[in-house]
Amino acid sequence: MVSLRVSVTTKTTECLAIRLICFSSPVAAETTRSSRVSLLRERLAQRPEEEHEAIVAFRKLTFRGQIAKARMEIQWAKEGLALLDELESRGVPLRGKP
C-alpha cells in the first residue's frame, strides 16, 4: 500500500501545493498579475469604461475563489491520506489481490 500512498501523496500534494503557491505567494502572484495584466488590459479595451470596475472586481473574486479552492483541495487530500493511514493501521485491505 505504500506505493499507492506515495503516489497519491506526491502527485496530489505537489499539484495542489503548486496551485496554492501560484495564487498566494507574493512573487508568484506578481508574476501571475503581470502576465494577466496584458490580457486584462485587452479585455478592458474592448469594453466600455463604465464596465471596467465590475470586470476588475469579478477578476479579483475569481482569484480569491481559486485560492480558496486550492486550500480546500489540500485539506481534502490531507484528510484522504489520514484515512489511508487509519485504514492501513487497522489492517483493512485497500485493494484486491492482483
C-alpha atoms as a PDB file:
ATOM      1  CA  MET A   1       0.000   0.000   0.000  1.00  0.00           C
ATOM      2  CA  VAL A   2       2.984   2.261   0.411  1.00  0.00           C
ATOM      3  CA  SER A   3       3.258   2.706  -3.368  1.00  0.00           C
ATOM      4  CA  LEU A   4      -0.381   3.839  -3.601  1.00  0.00           C
ATOM      5  CA  ARG A   5       0.091   6.260  -0.715  1.00  0.00           C
ATOM      6  CA  VAL A   6       3.351   7.672  -2.080  1.00  0.00           C
ATOM      7  CA  SER A   7       1.792   8.083  -5.498  1.00  0.00           C
ATOM      8  CA  VAL A   8      -1.242   9.879  -4.079  1.00  0.00           C
ATOM      9  CA  THR A   9       0.878  11.936  -1.697  1.00  0.00           C
ATOM     10  CA  THR A  10       3.434  13.000  -4.262  1.00  0.00           C
ATOM     11  CA  LYS A  11       1.137  13.796  -7.170  1.00  0.00           C
ATOM     12  CA  THR A  12      -1.766  15.301  -5.246  1.00  0.00           C
ATOM     13  CA  THR A  13       0.233  17.337  -2.764  1.00  0.00           C
ATOM     14  CA  GLU A  14       2.681  18.528  -5.394  1.00  0.00           C
ATOM     15  CA  CYS A  15      -0.090  19.642  -7.736  1.00  0.00           C
ATOM     16  CA  LEU A  16      -2.088  21.359  -5.023  1.00  0.00           C
ATOM     17  CA  ALA A  17       0.963  22.997  -3.497  1.00  0.00           C
ATOM     18  CA  ILE A  18       1.960  24.416  -6.871  1.00  0.00           C
ATOM     19  CA  ARG A  19      -1.551  25.776  -7.400  1.00  0.00           C
ATOM     20  CA  LEU A  20      -1.618  27.351  -3.941  1.00  0.00           C
ATOM     21  CA  ILE A  21       1.825  28.895  -4.388  1.00  0.00           C
ATOM     22  CA  CYS A  22       0.849  30.290  -7.770  1.00  0.00           C
ATOM     23  CA  PHE A  23      -2.158  32.039  -6.311  1.00  0.00           C
ATOM     24  CA  SER A  24      -0.913  33.126  -2.886  1.00  0.00           C
ATOM     25  CA  SER A  25       2.851  33.677  -2.996  1.00  0.00           C
ATOM     26  CA  PRO A  26       3.625  37.404  -3.363  1.00  0.00           C
ATOM     27  CA  VAL A  27       6.292  36.755  -6.020  1.00  0.00           C
ATOM     28  CA  ALA A  28       4.195  34.235  -7.936  1.00  0.00           C
ATOM     29  CA  ALA A  29       1.131  36.402  -7.530  1.00  0.00           C
ATOM     30  CA  GLU A  30       3.022  39.345  -9.006  1.00  0.00           C
ATOM     31  CA  THR A  31       4.192  37.198 -11.918  1.00  0.00           C
ATOM     32  CA  THR A  32       0.647  35.950 -12.457  1.00  0.00           C
ATOM     33  CA  ARG A  33      -0.653  39.507 -12.201  1.00  0.00           C
ATOM     34  CA  SER A  34       1.951  40.753 -14.667  1.00  0.00           C
ATOM     35  CA  SER A  35       1.167  38.075 -17.218  1.00  0.00           C
ATOM     36  CA  ARG A  36      -2.541  38.618 -16.816  1.00  0.00           C
ATOM     37  CA  VAL A  37      -2.397  42.393 -16.804  1.00  0.00           C
ATOM     38  CA  SER A  38      -1.911  42.487 -20.563  1.00  0.00           C
ATOM     39  CA  LEU A  39      -4.864  40.116 -21.019  1.00  0.00           C
ATOM     40  CA  LEU A  40      -6.969  42.235 -18.666  1.00  0.00           C
ATOM     41  CA  ARG A  41      -5.945  45.419 -20.499  1.00  0.00           C
ATOM     42  CA  GLU A  42      -7.023  43.855 -23.787  1.00  0.00           C
ATOM     43  CA  ARG A  43     -10.338  42.830 -22.272  1.00  0.00           C
ATOM     44  CA  LEU A  44     -10.898  46.280 -20.778  1.00  0.00           C
ATOM     45  CA  ALA A  45     -10.001  47.958 -24.071  1.00  0.00           C
ATOM     46  CA  GLN A  46     -12.864  46.062 -25.724  1.00  0.00           C
ATOM     47  CA  ARG A  47     -15.453  47.056 -23.109  1.00  0.00           C
ATOM     48  CA  PRO A  48     -16.987  50.421 -22.230  1.00  0.00           C
ATOM     49  CA  GLU A  49     -15.141  52.290 -19.470  1.00  0.00           C
ATOM     50  CA  GLU A  50     -18.164  52.182 -17.162  1.00  0.00           C
ATOM     51  CA  GLU A  51     -17.829  48.362 -17.045  1.00  0.00           C
ATOM     52  CA  HIS A  52     -14.138  48.353 -16.054  1.00  0.00           C
ATOM     53  CA  GLU A  53     -14.662  48.487 -12.297  1.00  0.00           C
ATOM     54  CA  ALA A  54     -17.010  45.487 -12.387  1.00  0.00           C
ATOM     55  CA  ILE A  55     -14.684  43.486 -14.657  1.00  0.00           C
ATOM     56  CA  VAL A  56     -11.711  44.039 -12.326  1.00  0.00           C
ATOM     57  CA  ALA A  57     -13.817  43.276  -9.236  1.00  0.00           C
ATOM     58  CA  PHE A  58     -15.004  39.962 -10.686  1.00  0.00           C
ATOM     59  CA  ARG A  59     -11.435  39.076 -11.707  1.00  0.00           C
ATOM     60  CA  LYS A  60     -10.312  39.594  -8.094  1.00  0.00           C
ATOM     61  CA  LEU A  61     -13.240  37.488  -6.894  1.00  0.00           C
ATOM     62  CA  THR A  62     -12.189  34.735  -9.293  1.00  0.00           C
ATOM     63  CA  PHE A  63      -8.627  34.696  -7.962  1.00  0.00           C
ATOM     64  CA  ARG A  64      -9.837  34.592  -4.356  1.00  0.00           C
ATOM     65  CA  GLY A  65     -12.076  31.662  -5.286  1.00  0.00           C
ATOM     66  CA  GLN A  66      -9.170  29.808  -6.896  1.00  0.00           C
ATOM     67  CA  ILE A  67      -7.068  30.309  -3.757  1.00  0.00           C
ATOM     68  CA  ALA A  68      -9.903  29.070  -1.527  1.00  0.00           C
ATOM     69  CA  LYS A  69     -10.436  26.046  -3.777  1.00  0.00           C
ATOM     70  CA  ALA A  70      -6.733  25.131  -3.735  1.00  0.00           C
ATOM     71  CA  ARG A  71      -6.653  25.360   0.069  1.00  0.00           C
ATOM     72  CA  MET A  72      -9.774  23.227   0.352  1.00  0.00           C
ATOM     73  CA  GLU A  73      -8.302  20.614  -2.010  1.00  0.00           C
ATOM     74  CA  ILE A  74      -5.117  20.456   0.063  1.00  0.00           C
ATOM     75  CA  GLN A  75      -7.161  19.916   3.226  1.00  0.00           C
ATOM     76  CA  TRP A  76      -9.221  17.231   1.468  1.00  0.00           C
ATOM     77  CA  ALA A  77      -6.044  15.454   0.300  1.00  0.00           C
ATOM     78  CA  LYS A  78      -4.644  15.535   3.853  1.00  0.00           C
ATOM     79  CA  GLU A  79      -7.885  14.008   5.144  1.00  0.00           C
ATOM     80  CA  GLY A  80      -7.646  11.296   2.470  1.00  0.00           C
ATOM     81  CA  LEU A  81      -4.074  10.484   3.483  1.00  0.00           C
ATOM     82  CA  ALA A  82      -5.107  10.354   7.146  1.00  0.00           C
ATOM     83  CA  LEU A  83      -7.896   7.947   6.189  1.00  0.00           C
ATOM     84  CA  LEU A  84      -5.394   5.736   4.341  1.00  0.00           C
ATOM     85  CA  ASP A  85      -3.150   5.742   7.422  1.00  0.00           C
ATOM     86  CA  GLU A  86      -6.050   4.864   9.715  1.00  0.00           C
ATOM     87  CA  LEU A  87      -7.332   2.041   7.497  1.00  0.00           C
ATOM     88  CA  GLU A  88      -3.826   0.689   6.971  1.00  0.00           C
ATOM     89  CA  SER A  89      -3.106   0.724  10.720  1.00  0.00           C
ATOM     90  CA  ARG A  90      -6.236  -1.412  11.273  1.00  0.00           C
ATOM     91  CA  GLY A  91      -5.178  -3.855   8.556  1.00  0.00           C
ATOM     92  CA  VAL A  92      -8.103  -3.031   6.282  1.00  0.00           C
ATOM     93  CA  PRO A  93      -7.281  -4.157   2.712  1.00  0.00           C
ATOM     94  CA  LEU A  94      -7.186  -1.157   0.421  1.00  0.00           C
ATOM     95  CA  ARG A  95      -7.226  -3.056  -2.863  1.00  0.00           C
ATOM     96  CA  GLY A  96      -7.870  -6.561  -4.108  1.00  0.00           C
ATOM     97  CA  LYS A  97      -5.208  -9.105  -4.938  1.00  0.00           C
ATOM     98  CA  PRO A  98      -3.728  -8.678  -8.429  1.00  0.00           C
END
